[in-house]
Amino acid sequence: MKRKLRMPTDAEEAAIQHGIAADPENPEWTEEDFARARPAAEVLGERVAASLVRRRGRQKTAVKEAVSLRLDADLVRALRDSGPGWQSRVNDTLRKAVLGKLG
């Protein structure tokens, strides 16, 4: 599905420009900056640049298996309230309890 580009409103653009002006350590790029820019692979090497690319979508081979598990509502609520990564923390806790080790 193709995303539709939405241009910022005048107020949003003003806020963006204010933020740029307020951060002297990270100025907006000029045409000269863009002209000097080089691809990451050219600067860092193919292997390093490839390791920095965030993979999107599903992996070809699933490392984990989706299961259905019935838990008490208050437990699930507490787990979710613990913040992002709660499912991985549950996985680690179960691994330690069942297999006696992490990893």
PDB file of N, CA and C in Angstrom:
ATOM      1  N   MET A   1       0.844  -1.170   0.000  1.00  0.00           N
ATOM      2  CA  MET A   1       0.000   0.000   0.000  1.00  0.00           C
ATOM      3  C   MET A   1       0.895   1.240   0.000  1.00  0.00           C
ATOM      4  N   LYS A   2       0.590   2.180  -0.852  1.00  0.00           N
ATOM      5  CA  LYS A   2       1.374   3.389  -0.966  1.00  0.00           C
ATOM      6  C   LYS A   2       0.874   4.416   0.039  1.00  0.00           C
ATOM      7  N   ARG A   3       1.791   5.051   0.770  1.00  0.00           N
ATOM      8  CA  ARG A   3       1.406   6.072   1.735  1.00  0.00           C
ATOM      9  C   ARG A   3       1.266   7.422   1.051  1.00  0.00           C
ATOM     10  N   LYS A   4       0.306   8.187   1.488  1.00  0.00           N
ATOM     11  CA  LYS A   4       0.098   9.520   0.951  1.00  0.00           C
ATOM     12  C   LYS A   4       0.896  10.504   1.800  1.00  0.00           C
ATOM     13  N   LEU A   5       1.690  11.325   1.143  1.00  0.00           N
ATOM     14  CA  LEU A   5       2.509  12.309   1.835  1.00  0.00           C
ATOM     15  C   LEU A   5       1.631  13.465   2.273  1.00  0.00           C
ATOM     16  N   ARG A   6       1.699  13.799   3.556  1.00  0.00           N
ATOM     17  CA  ARG A   6       0.927  14.911   4.094  1.00  0.00           C
ATOM     18  C   ARG A   6       1.891  16.027   4.454  1.00  0.00           C
ATOM     19  N   MET A   7       1.707  17.168   3.875  1.00  0.00           N
ATOM     20  CA  MET A   7       2.562  18.316   4.147  1.00  0.00           C
ATOM     21  C   MET A   7       2.163  18.917   5.493  1.00  0.00           C
ATOM     22  N   PRO A   8       3.150  19.427   6.247  1.00  0.00           N
ATOM     23  CA  PRO A   8       2.817  20.022   7.542  1.00  0.00           C
ATOM     24  C   PRO A   8       2.023  21.315   7.371  1.00  0.00           C
ATOM     25  N   THR A   9       1.199  21.600   8.355  1.00  0.00           N
ATOM     26  CA  THR A   9       0.475  22.873   8.355  1.00  0.00           C
ATOM     27  C   THR A   9       1.476  23.985   8.638  1.00  0.00           C
ATOM     28  N   ASP A  10       1.044  25.235   8.477  1.00  0.00           N
ATOM     29  CA  ASP A  10       1.938  26.368   8.758  1.00  0.00           C
ATOM     30  C   ASP A  10       2.398  26.336  10.213  1.00  0.00           C
ATOM     31  N   ALA A  11       1.486  25.999  11.132  1.00  0.00           N
ATOM     32  CA  ALA A  11       1.844  25.943  12.554  1.00  0.00           C
ATOM     33  C   ALA A  11       2.842  24.817  12.817  1.00  0.00           C
ATOM     34  N   GLU A  12       2.636  23.652  12.184  1.00  0.00           N
ATOM     35  CA  GLU A  12       3.573  22.540  12.340  1.00  0.00           C
ATOM     36  C   GLU A  12       4.940  22.895  11.767  1.00  0.00           C
ATOM     37  N   GLU A  13       4.958  23.533  10.604  1.00  0.00           N
ATOM     38  CA  GLU A  13       6.220  23.936   9.983  1.00  0.00           C
ATOM     39  C   GLU A  13       6.957  24.940  10.860  1.00  0.00           C
ATOM     40  N   ALA A  14       6.216  25.866  11.458  1.00  0.00           N
ATOM     41  CA  ALA A  14       6.835  26.850  12.361  1.00  0.00           C
ATOM     42  C   ALA A  14       7.451  26.156  13.570  1.00  0.00           C
ATOM     43  N   ALA A  15       6.753  25.148  14.114  1.00  0.00           N
ATOM     44  CA  ALA A  15       7.280  24.405  15.259  1.00  0.00           C
ATOM     45  C   ALA A  15       8.528  23.624  14.866  1.00  0.00           C
ATOM     46  N   ILE A  16       8.527  23.055  13.671  1.00  0.00           N
ATOM     47  CA  ILE A  16       9.700  22.316  13.182  1.00  0.00           C
ATOM     48  C   ILE A  16      10.887  23.259  13.041  1.00  0.00           C
ATOM     49  N   GLN A  17      10.657  24.403  12.413  1.00  0.00           N
ATOM     50  CA  GLN A  17      11.734  25.366  12.215  1.00  0.00           C
ATOM     51  C   GLN A  17      12.257  25.900  13.544  1.00  0.00           C
ATOM     52  N   HIS A  18      11.367  26.098  14.516  1.00  0.00           N
ATOM     53  CA  HIS A  18      11.779  26.542  15.853  1.00  0.00           C
ATOM     54  C   HIS A  18      12.678  25.487  16.507  1.00  0.00           C
ATOM     55  N   GLY A  19      12.293  24.231  16.361  1.00  0.00           N
ATOM     56  CA  GLY A  19      13.099  23.146  16.929  1.00  0.00           C
ATOM     57  C   GLY A  19      14.473  23.070  16.286  1.00  0.00           C
ATOM     58  N   ILE A  20      14.543  23.267  14.983  1.00  0.00           N
ATOM     59  CA  ILE A  20      15.827  23.250  14.281  1.00  0.00           C
ATOM     60  C   ILE A  20      16.710  24.385  14.787  1.00  0.00           C
ATOM     61  N   ALA A  21      16.125  25.575  14.898  1.00  0.00           N
ATOM     62  CA  ALA A  21      16.890  26.745  15.351  1.00  0.00           C
ATOM     63  C   ALA A  21      17.358  26.590  16.799  1.00  0.00           C
ATOM     64  N   ALA A  22      16.609  25.851  17.590  1.00  0.00           N
ATOM     65  CA  ALA A  22      16.939  25.683  19.007  1.00  0.00           C
ATOM     66  C   ALA A  22      18.003  24.627  19.252  1.00  0.00           C
ATOM     67  N   ASP A  23      18.433  23.914  18.218  1.00  0.00           N
ATOM     68  CA  ASP A  23      19.415  22.841  18.374  1.00  0.00           C
ATOM     69  C   ASP A  23      20.638  23.118  17.506  1.00  0.00           C
ATOM     70  N   PRO A  24      21.589  23.937  17.997  1.00  0.00           N
ATOM     71  CA  PRO A  24      22.746  24.300  17.181  1.00  0.00           C
ATOM     72  C   PRO A  24      23.675  23.118  16.887  1.00  0.00           C
ATOM     73  N   GLU A  25      23.587  22.043  17.658  1.00  0.00           N
ATOM     74  CA  GLU A  25      24.446  20.883  17.424  1.00  0.00           C
ATOM     75  C   GLU A  25      23.925  20.002  16.291  1.00  0.00           C
ATOM     76  N   ASN A  26      22.709  20.267  15.852  1.00  0.00           N
ATOM     77  CA  ASN A  26      22.115  19.457  14.788  1.00  0.00           C
ATOM     78  C   ASN A  26      21.384  20.370  13.803  1.00  0.00           C
ATOM     79  N   PRO A  27      22.133  21.199  13.070  1.00  0.00           N
ATOM     80  CA  PRO A  27      21.483  22.152  12.161  1.00  0.00           C
ATOM     81  C   PRO A  27      20.859  21.458  10.961  1.00  0.00           C
ATOM     82  N   GLU A  28      19.929  22.163  10.332  1.00  0.00           N
ATOM     83  CA  GLU A  28      19.313  21.648   9.116  1.00  0.00           C
ATOM     84  C   GLU A  28      20.372  21.575   8.018  1.00  0.00           C
ATOM     85  N   TRP A  29      20.325  20.509   7.217  1.00  0.00           N
ATOM     86  CA  TRP A  29      21.314  20.333   6.152  1.00  0.00           C
ATOM     87  C   TRP A  29      21.127  21.369   5.056  1.00  0.00           C
ATOM     88  N   THR A  30      22.250  21.813   4.511  1.00  0.00           N
ATOM     89  CA  THR A  30      22.235  22.728   3.370  1.00  0.00           C
ATOM     90  C   THR A  30      22.397  21.914   2.086  1.00  0.00           C
ATOM     91  N   GLU A  31      22.261  22.578   0.945  1.00  0.00           N
ATOM     92  CA  GLU A  31      22.491  21.910  -0.337  1.00  0.00           C
ATOM     93  C   GLU A  31      23.916  21.364  -0.401  1.00  0.00           C
ATOM     94  N   GLU A  32      24.876  22.102   0.169  1.00  0.00           N
ATOM     95  CA  GLU A  32      26.269  21.645   0.176  1.00  0.00           C
ATOM     96  C   GLU A  32      26.428  20.376   1.011  1.00  0.00           C
ATOM     97  N   ASP A  33      25.725  20.292   2.139  1.00  0.00           N
ATOM     98  CA  ASP A  33      25.771  19.085   2.967  1.00  0.00           C
ATOM     99  C   ASP A  33      25.271  17.877   2.175  1.00  0.00           C
ATOM    100  N   PHE A  34      24.153  18.048   1.484  1.00  0.00           N
ATOM    101  CA  PHE A  34      23.603  16.951   0.684  1.00  0.00           C
ATOM    102  C   PHE A  34      24.561  16.562  -0.442  1.00  0.00           C
ATOM    103  N   ALA A  35      25.219  17.555  -1.041  1.00  0.00           N
ATOM    104  CA  ALA A  35      26.151  17.278  -2.140  1.00  0.00           C
ATOM    105  C   ALA A  35      27.354  16.478  -1.651  1.00  0.00           C
ATOM    106  N   ARG A  36      27.792  16.698  -0.407  1.00  0.00           N
ATOM    107  CA  ARG A  36      28.953  15.988   0.155  1.00  0.00           C
ATOM    108  C   ARG A  36      28.584  14.614   0.718  1.00  0.00           C
ATOM    109  N   ALA A  37      27.316  14.373   0.930  1.00  0.00           N
ATOM    110  CA  ALA A  37      26.875  13.122   1.566  1.00  0.00           C
ATOM    111  C   ALA A  37      27.218  11.917   0.694  1.00  0.00           C
ATOM    112  N   ARG A  38      27.559  10.810   1.345  1.00  0.00           N
ATOM    113  CA  ARG A  38      27.890   9.559   0.657  1.00  0.00           C
ATOM    114  C   ARG A  38      27.072   8.428   1.277  1.00  0.00           C
ATOM    115  N   PRO A  39      26.776   7.392   0.513  1.00  0.00           N
ATOM    116  CA  PRO A  39      26.041   6.243   1.064  1.00  0.00           C
ATOM    117  C   PRO A  39      26.809   5.592   2.217  1.00  0.00           C
ATOM    118  N   ALA A  40      26.078   5.076   3.181  1.00  0.00           N
ATOM    119  CA  ALA A  40      26.706   4.446   4.340  1.00  0.00           C
ATOM    120  C   ALA A  40      27.654   3.328   3.923  1.00  0.00           C
ATOM    121  N   ALA A  41      27.270   2.537   2.930  1.00  0.00           N
ATOM    122  CA  ALA A  41      28.116   1.424   2.483  1.00  0.00           C
ATOM    123  C   ALA A  41      29.452   1.931   1.960  1.00  0.00           C
ATOM    124  N   GLU A  42      29.449   3.092   1.332  1.00  0.00           N
ATOM    125  CA  GLU A  42      30.687   3.667   0.795  1.00  0.00           C
ATOM    126  C   GLU A  42      31.599   4.148   1.923  1.00  0.00           C
ATOM    127  N   VAL A  43      31.012   4.678   2.966  1.00  0.00           N
ATOM    128  CA  VAL A  43      31.789   5.238   4.078  1.00  0.00           C
ATOM    129  C   VAL A  43      32.187   4.160   5.089  1.00  0.00           C
ATOM    130  N   LEU A  44      31.247   3.290   5.430  1.00  0.00           N
ATOM    131  CA  LEU A  44      31.461   2.311   6.501  1.00  0.00           C
ATOM    132  C   LEU A  44      31.828   0.923   6.001  1.00  0.00           C
ATOM    133  N   GLY A  45      31.602   0.655   4.735  1.00  0.00           N
ATOM    134  CA  GLY A  45      31.789  -0.693   4.208  1.00  0.00           C
ATOM    135  C   GLY A  45      30.450  -1.406   4.156  1.00  0.00           C
ATOM    136  N   GLU A  46      30.332  -2.335   3.225  1.00  0.00           N
ATOM    137  CA  GLU A  46      29.066  -3.039   3.006  1.00  0.00           C
ATOM    138  C   GLU A  46      28.548  -3.765   4.242  1.00  0.00           C
ATOM    139  N   ARG A  47      29.436  -4.499   4.923  1.00  0.00           N
ATOM    140  CA  ARG A  47      28.989  -5.327   6.050  1.00  0.00           C
ATOM    141  C   ARG A  47      28.492  -4.481   7.207  1.00  0.00           C
ATOM    142  N   VAL A  48      29.205  -3.406   7.522  1.00  0.00           N
ATOM    143  CA  VAL A  48      28.783  -2.534   8.625  1.00  0.00           C
ATOM    144  C   VAL A  48      27.471  -1.849   8.269  1.00  0.00           C
ATOM    145  N   ALA A  49      27.386  -1.306   7.062  1.00  0.00           N
ATOM    146  CA  ALA A  49      26.162  -0.623   6.644  1.00  0.00           C
ATOM    147  C   ALA A  49      24.976  -1.577   6.654  1.00  0.00           C
ATOM    148  N   ALA A  50      25.179  -2.809   6.206  1.00  0.00           N
ATOM    149  CA  ALA A  50      24.089  -3.787   6.179  1.00  0.00           C
ATOM    150  C   ALA A  50      23.605  -4.104   7.583  1.00  0.00           C
ATOM    151  N   SER A  51      24.501  -4.094   8.560  1.00  0.00           N
ATOM    152  CA  SER A  51      24.104  -4.399   9.937  1.00  0.00           C
ATOM    153  C   SER A  51      23.291  -3.271  10.562  1.00  0.00           C
ATOM    154  N   LEU A  52      23.352  -2.078   9.983  1.00  0.00           N
ATOM    155  CA  LEU A  52      22.618  -0.938  10.515  1.00  0.00           C
ATOM    156  C   LEU A  52      21.209  -0.826   9.957  1.00  0.00           C
ATOM    157  N   VAL A  53      20.916  -1.588   8.915  1.00  0.00           N
ATOM    158  CA  VAL A  53      19.608  -1.515   8.274  1.00  0.00           C
ATOM    159  C   VAL A  53      18.590  -2.229   9.143  1.00  0.00           C
ATOM    160  N   ARG A  54      17.522  -1.541   9.441  1.00  0.00           N
ATOM    161  CA  ARG A  54      16.451  -2.148  10.230  1.00  0.00           C
ATOM    162  C   ARG A  54      15.603  -3.014   9.316  1.00  0.00           C
ATOM    163  N   ARG A  55      15.483  -4.269   9.663  1.00  0.00           N
ATOM    164  CA  ARG A  55      14.689  -5.193   8.858  1.00  0.00           C
ATOM    165  C   ARG A  55      13.209  -4.951   9.143  1.00  0.00           C
ATOM    166  N   ARG A  56      12.411  -4.928   8.091  1.00  0.00           N
ATOM    167  CA  ARG A  56      10.986  -4.716   8.251  1.00  0.00           C
ATOM    168  C   ARG A  56      10.251  -5.965   7.815  1.00  0.00           C
ATOM    169  N   GLY A  57       9.079  -6.155   8.339  1.00  0.00           N
ATOM    170  CA  GLY A  57       8.270  -7.298   7.952  1.00  0.00           C
ATOM    171  C   GLY A  57       8.655  -8.550   8.725  1.00  0.00           C
ATOM    172  N   ARG A  58       8.077  -9.651   8.320  1.00  0.00           N
ATOM    173  CA  ARG A  58       8.309 -10.921   9.006  1.00  0.00           C
ATOM    174  C   ARG A  58       9.597 -11.574   8.546  1.00  0.00           C
ATOM    175  N   GLN A  59      10.232 -12.266   9.481  1.00  0.00           N
ATOM    176  CA  GLN A  59      11.421 -13.028   9.134  1.00  0.00           C
ATOM    177  C   GLN A  59      10.984 -14.279   8.375  1.00  0.00           C
ATOM    178  N   LYS A  60      11.850 -14.798   7.526  1.00  0.00           N
ATOM    179  CA  LYS A  60      11.506 -15.980   6.749  1.00  0.00           C
ATOM    180  C   LYS A  60      11.354 -17.212   7.632  1.00  0.00           C
ATOM    181  N   THR A  61      12.212 -17.348   8.627  1.00  0.00           N
ATOM    182  CA  THR A  61      12.085 -18.471   9.556  1.00  0.00           C
ATOM    183  C   THR A  61      11.773 -17.903  10.935  1.00  0.00           C
ATOM    184  N   ALA A  62      10.634 -18.273  11.463  1.00  0.00           N
ATOM    185  CA  ALA A  62      10.207 -17.758  12.759  1.00  0.00           C
ATOM    186  C   ALA A  62      11.083 -18.339  13.860  1.00  0.00           C
ATOM    187  N   VAL A  63      11.615 -17.471  14.694  1.00  0.00           N
ATOM    188  CA  VAL A  63      12.436 -17.896  15.813  1.00  0.00           C
ATOM    189  C   VAL A  63      11.528 -18.290  16.976  1.00  0.00           C
ATOM    190  N   LYS A  64      10.416 -17.603  17.085  1.00  0.00           N
ATOM    191  CA  LYS A  64       9.477 -17.882  18.166  1.00  0.00           C
ATOM    192  C   LYS A  64       8.178 -18.418  17.571  1.00  0.00           C
ATOM    193  N   GLU A  65       7.432 -19.109  18.394  1.00  0.00           N
ATOM    194  CA  GLU A  65       6.176 -19.705  17.952  1.00  0.00           C
ATOM    195  C   GLU A  65       5.019 -19.009  18.657  1.00  0.00           C
ATOM    196  N   ALA A  66       4.033 -18.579  17.907  1.00  0.00           N
ATOM    197  CA  ALA A  66       2.847 -17.951  18.490  1.00  0.00           C
ATOM    198  C   ALA A  66       1.988 -19.034  19.128  1.00  0.00           C
ATOM    199  N   VAL A  67       1.568 -18.785  20.369  1.00  0.00           N
ATOM    200  CA  VAL A  67       0.703 -19.723  21.079  1.00  0.00           C
ATOM    201  C   VAL A  67      -0.449 -18.960  21.712  1.00  0.00           C
ATOM    202  N   SER A  68      -1.484 -19.681  22.056  1.00  0.00           N
ATOM    203  CA  SER A  68      -2.610 -19.108  22.784  1.00  0.00           C
ATOM    204  C   SER A  68      -2.530 -19.630  24.210  1.00  0.00           C
ATOM    205  N   LEU A  69      -2.618 -18.721  25.177  1.00  0.00           N
ATOM    206  CA  LEU A  69      -2.443 -19.090  26.577  1.00  0.00           C
ATOM    207  C   LEU A  69      -3.436 -18.294  27.406  1.00  0.00           C
ATOM    208  N   ARG A  70      -4.175 -18.951  28.269  1.00  0.00           N
ATOM    209  CA  ARG A  70      -5.147 -18.248  29.106  1.00  0.00           C
ATOM    210  C   ARG A  70      -4.504 -17.911  30.442  1.00  0.00           C
ATOM    211  N   LEU A  71      -4.490 -16.598  30.755  1.00  0.00           N
ATOM    212  CA  LEU A  71      -3.914 -16.104  31.998  1.00  0.00           C
ATOM    213  C   LEU A  71      -4.944 -15.239  32.710  1.00  0.00           C
ATOM    214  N   ASP A  72      -4.779 -15.074  34.018  1.00  0.00           N
ATOM    215  CA  ASP A  72      -5.672 -14.200  34.778  1.00  0.00           C
ATOM    216  C   ASP A  72      -5.562 -12.766  34.266  1.00  0.00           C
ATOM    217  N   ALA A  73      -6.710 -12.082  34.216  1.00  0.00           N
ATOM    218  CA  ALA A  73      -6.772 -10.733  33.658  1.00  0.00           C
ATOM    219  C   ALA A  73      -5.865  -9.757  34.410  1.00  0.00           C
ATOM    220  N   ASP A  74      -5.815  -9.865  35.742  1.00  0.00           N
ATOM    221  CA  ASP A  74      -4.985  -8.928  36.496  1.00  0.00           C
ATOM    222  C   ASP A  74      -3.496  -9.142  36.210  1.00  0.00           C
ATOM    223  N   LEU A  75      -3.113 -10.380  35.945  1.00  0.00           N
ATOM    224  CA  LEU A  75      -1.722 -10.683  35.601  1.00  0.00           C
ATOM    225  C   LEU A  75      -1.362 -10.070  34.243  1.00  0.00           C
ATOM    226  N   VAL A  76      -2.235 -10.272  33.262  1.00  0.00           N
ATOM    227  CA  VAL A  76      -1.984  -9.709  31.926  1.00  0.00           C
ATOM    228  C   VAL A  76      -1.932  -8.193  32.005  1.00  0.00           C
ATOM    229  N   ARG A  77      -2.827  -7.589  32.758  1.00  0.00           N
ATOM    230  CA  ARG A  77      -2.844  -6.134  32.910  1.00  0.00           C
ATOM    231  C   ARG A  77      -1.532  -5.632  33.524  1.00  0.00           C
ATOM    232  N   ALA A  78      -1.062  -6.320  34.554  1.00  0.00           N
ATOM    233  CA  ALA A  78       0.195  -5.919  35.199  1.00  0.00           C
ATOM    234  C   ALA A  78       1.378  -6.074  34.242  1.00  0.00           C
ATOM    235  N   LEU A  79       1.374  -7.150  33.473  1.00  0.00           N
ATOM    236  CA  LEU A  79       2.451  -7.360  32.507  1.00  0.00           C
ATOM    237  C   LEU A  79       2.453  -6.259  31.454  1.00  0.00           C
ATOM    238  N   ARG A  80       1.297  -5.958  30.890  1.00  0.00           N
ATOM    239  CA  ARG A  80       1.199  -4.903  29.870  1.00  0.00           C
ATOM    240  C   ARG A  80       1.579  -3.546  30.448  1.00  0.00           C
ATOM    241  N   ASP A  81       1.167  -3.302  31.691  1.00  0.00           N
ATOM    242  CA  ASP A  81       1.485  -2.029  32.338  1.00  0.00           C
ATOM    243  C   ASP A  81       2.979  -1.864  32.603  1.00  0.00           C
ATOM    244  N   SER A  82       3.728  -2.971  32.544  1.00  0.00           N
ATOM    245  CA  SER A  82       5.176  -2.889  32.787  1.00  0.00           C
ATOM    246  C   SER A  82       5.907  -2.250  31.605  1.00  0.00           C
ATOM    247  N   GLY A  83       5.194  -2.031  30.499  1.00  0.00           N
ATOM    248  CA  GLY A  83       5.766  -1.280  29.387  1.00  0.00           C
ATOM    249  C   GLY A  83       6.163  -2.136  28.204  1.00  0.00           C
ATOM    250  N   PRO A  84       6.699  -1.461  27.184  1.00  0.00           N
ATOM    251  CA  PRO A  84       7.114  -2.164  25.961  1.00  0.00           C
ATOM    252  C   PRO A  84       8.117  -3.272  26.271  1.00  0.00           C
ATOM    253  N   GLY A  85       8.001  -4.354  25.545  1.00  0.00           N
ATOM    254  CA  GLY A  85       8.896  -5.487  25.746  1.00  0.00           C
ATOM    255  C   GLY A  85       8.385  -6.489  26.761  1.00  0.00           C
ATOM    256  N   TRP A  86       7.138  -6.306  27.208  1.00  0.00           N
ATOM    257  CA  TRP A  86       6.635  -7.180  28.259  1.00  0.00           C
ATOM    258  C   TRP A  86       6.558  -8.631  27.812  1.00  0.00           C
ATOM    259  N   GLN A  87       6.238  -8.876  26.532  1.00  0.00           N
ATOM    260  CA  GLN A  87       6.153 -10.254  26.072  1.00  0.00           C
ATOM    261  C   GLN A  87       7.529 -10.921  26.078  1.00  0.00           C
ATOM    262  N   SER A  88       8.560 -10.181  25.725  1.00  0.00           N
ATOM    263  CA  SER A  88       9.918 -10.734  25.768  1.00  0.00           C
ATOM    264  C   SER A  88      10.337 -11.024  27.201  1.00  0.00           C
ATOM    265  N   ARG A  89       9.931 -10.138  28.135  1.00  0.00           N
ATOM    266  CA  ARG A  89      10.265 -10.383  29.547  1.00  0.00           C
ATOM    267  C   ARG A  89       9.552 -11.621  30.072  1.00  0.00           C
ATOM    268  N   VAL A  90       8.301 -11.843  29.647  1.00  0.00           N
ATOM    269  CA  VAL A  90       7.579 -13.055  30.041  1.00  0.00           C
ATOM    270  C   VAL A  90       8.303 -14.269  29.465  1.00  0.00           C
ATOM    271  N   ASN A  91       8.722 -14.188  28.208  1.00  0.00           N
ATOM    272  CA  ASN A  91       9.458 -15.282  27.577  1.00  0.00           C
ATOM    273  C   ASN A  91      10.723 -15.599  28.381  1.00  0.00           C
ATOM    274  N   ASP A  92      11.487 -14.569  28.759  1.00  0.00           N
ATOM    275  CA  ASP A  92      12.724 -14.774  29.520  1.00  0.00           C
ATOM    276  C   ASP A  92      12.445 -15.396  30.885  1.00  0.00           C
ATOM    277  N   THR A  93      11.377 -14.941  31.547  1.00  0.00           N
ATOM    278  CA  THR A  93      11.016 -15.482  32.862  1.00  0.00           C
ATOM    279  C   THR A  93      10.618 -16.951  32.753  1.00  0.00           C
ATOM    280  N   LEU A  94       9.820 -17.280  31.746  1.00  0.00           N
ATOM    281  CA  LEU A  94       9.429 -18.681  31.549  1.00  0.00           C
ATOM    282  C   LEU A  94      10.629 -19.545  31.189  1.00  0.00           C
ATOM    283  N   ARG A  95      11.512 -19.024  30.355  1.00  0.00           N
ATOM    284  CA  ARG A  95      12.720 -19.773  29.985  1.00  0.00           C
ATOM    285  C   ARG A  95      13.531 -20.100  31.248  1.00  0.00           C
ATOM    286  N   LYS A  96      13.719 -19.097  32.098  1.00  0.00           N
ATOM    287  CA  LYS A  96      14.495 -19.302  33.323  1.00  0.00           C
ATOM    288  C   LYS A  96      13.800 -20.310  34.245  1.00  0.00           C
ATOM    289  N   ALA A  97      12.478 -20.198  34.377  1.00  0.00           N
ATOM    290  CA  ALA A  97      11.736 -21.099  35.267  1.00  0.00           C
ATOM    291  C   ALA A  97      11.710 -22.524  34.737  1.00  0.00           C
ATOM    292  N   VAL A  98      11.520 -22.689  33.437  1.00  0.00           N
ATOM    293  CA  VAL A  98      11.375 -24.028  32.873  1.00  0.00           C
ATOM    294  C   VAL A  98      12.715 -24.666  32.538  1.00  0.00           C
ATOM    295  N   LEU A  99      13.610 -23.901  31.935  1.00  0.00           N
ATOM    296  CA  LEU A  99      14.883 -24.456  31.491  1.00  0.00           C
ATOM    297  C   LEU A  99      16.021 -24.174  32.458  1.00  0.00           C
ATOM    298  N   GLY A 100      15.754 -23.325  33.447  1.00  0.00           N
ATOM    299  CA  GLY A 100      16.773 -23.041  34.468  1.00  0.00           C
ATOM    300  C   GLY A 100      17.913 -22.148  33.989  1.00  0.00           C
ATOM    301  N   LYS A 101      17.692 -21.439  32.895  1.00  0.00           N
ATOM    302  CA  LYS A 101      18.734 -20.546  32.398  1.00  0.00           C
ATOM    303  C   LYS A 101      18.118 -19.514  31.466  1.00  0.00           C
ATOM    304  N   LEU A 102      18.833 -18.441  31.230  1.00  0.00           N
ATOM    305  CA  LEU A 102      18.444 -17.461  30.233  1.00  0.00           C
ATOM    306  C   LEU A 102      19.234 -17.695  28.984  1.00  0.00           C
ATOM    307  N   GLY A 103      18.678 -17.355  27.845  1.00  0.00           N
ATOM    308  CA  GLY A 103      19.415 -17.449  26.590  1.00  0.00           C
ATOM    309  C   GLY A 103      19.132 -18.713  25.914  1.00  0.00           C
TER     310      GLY A 103
END
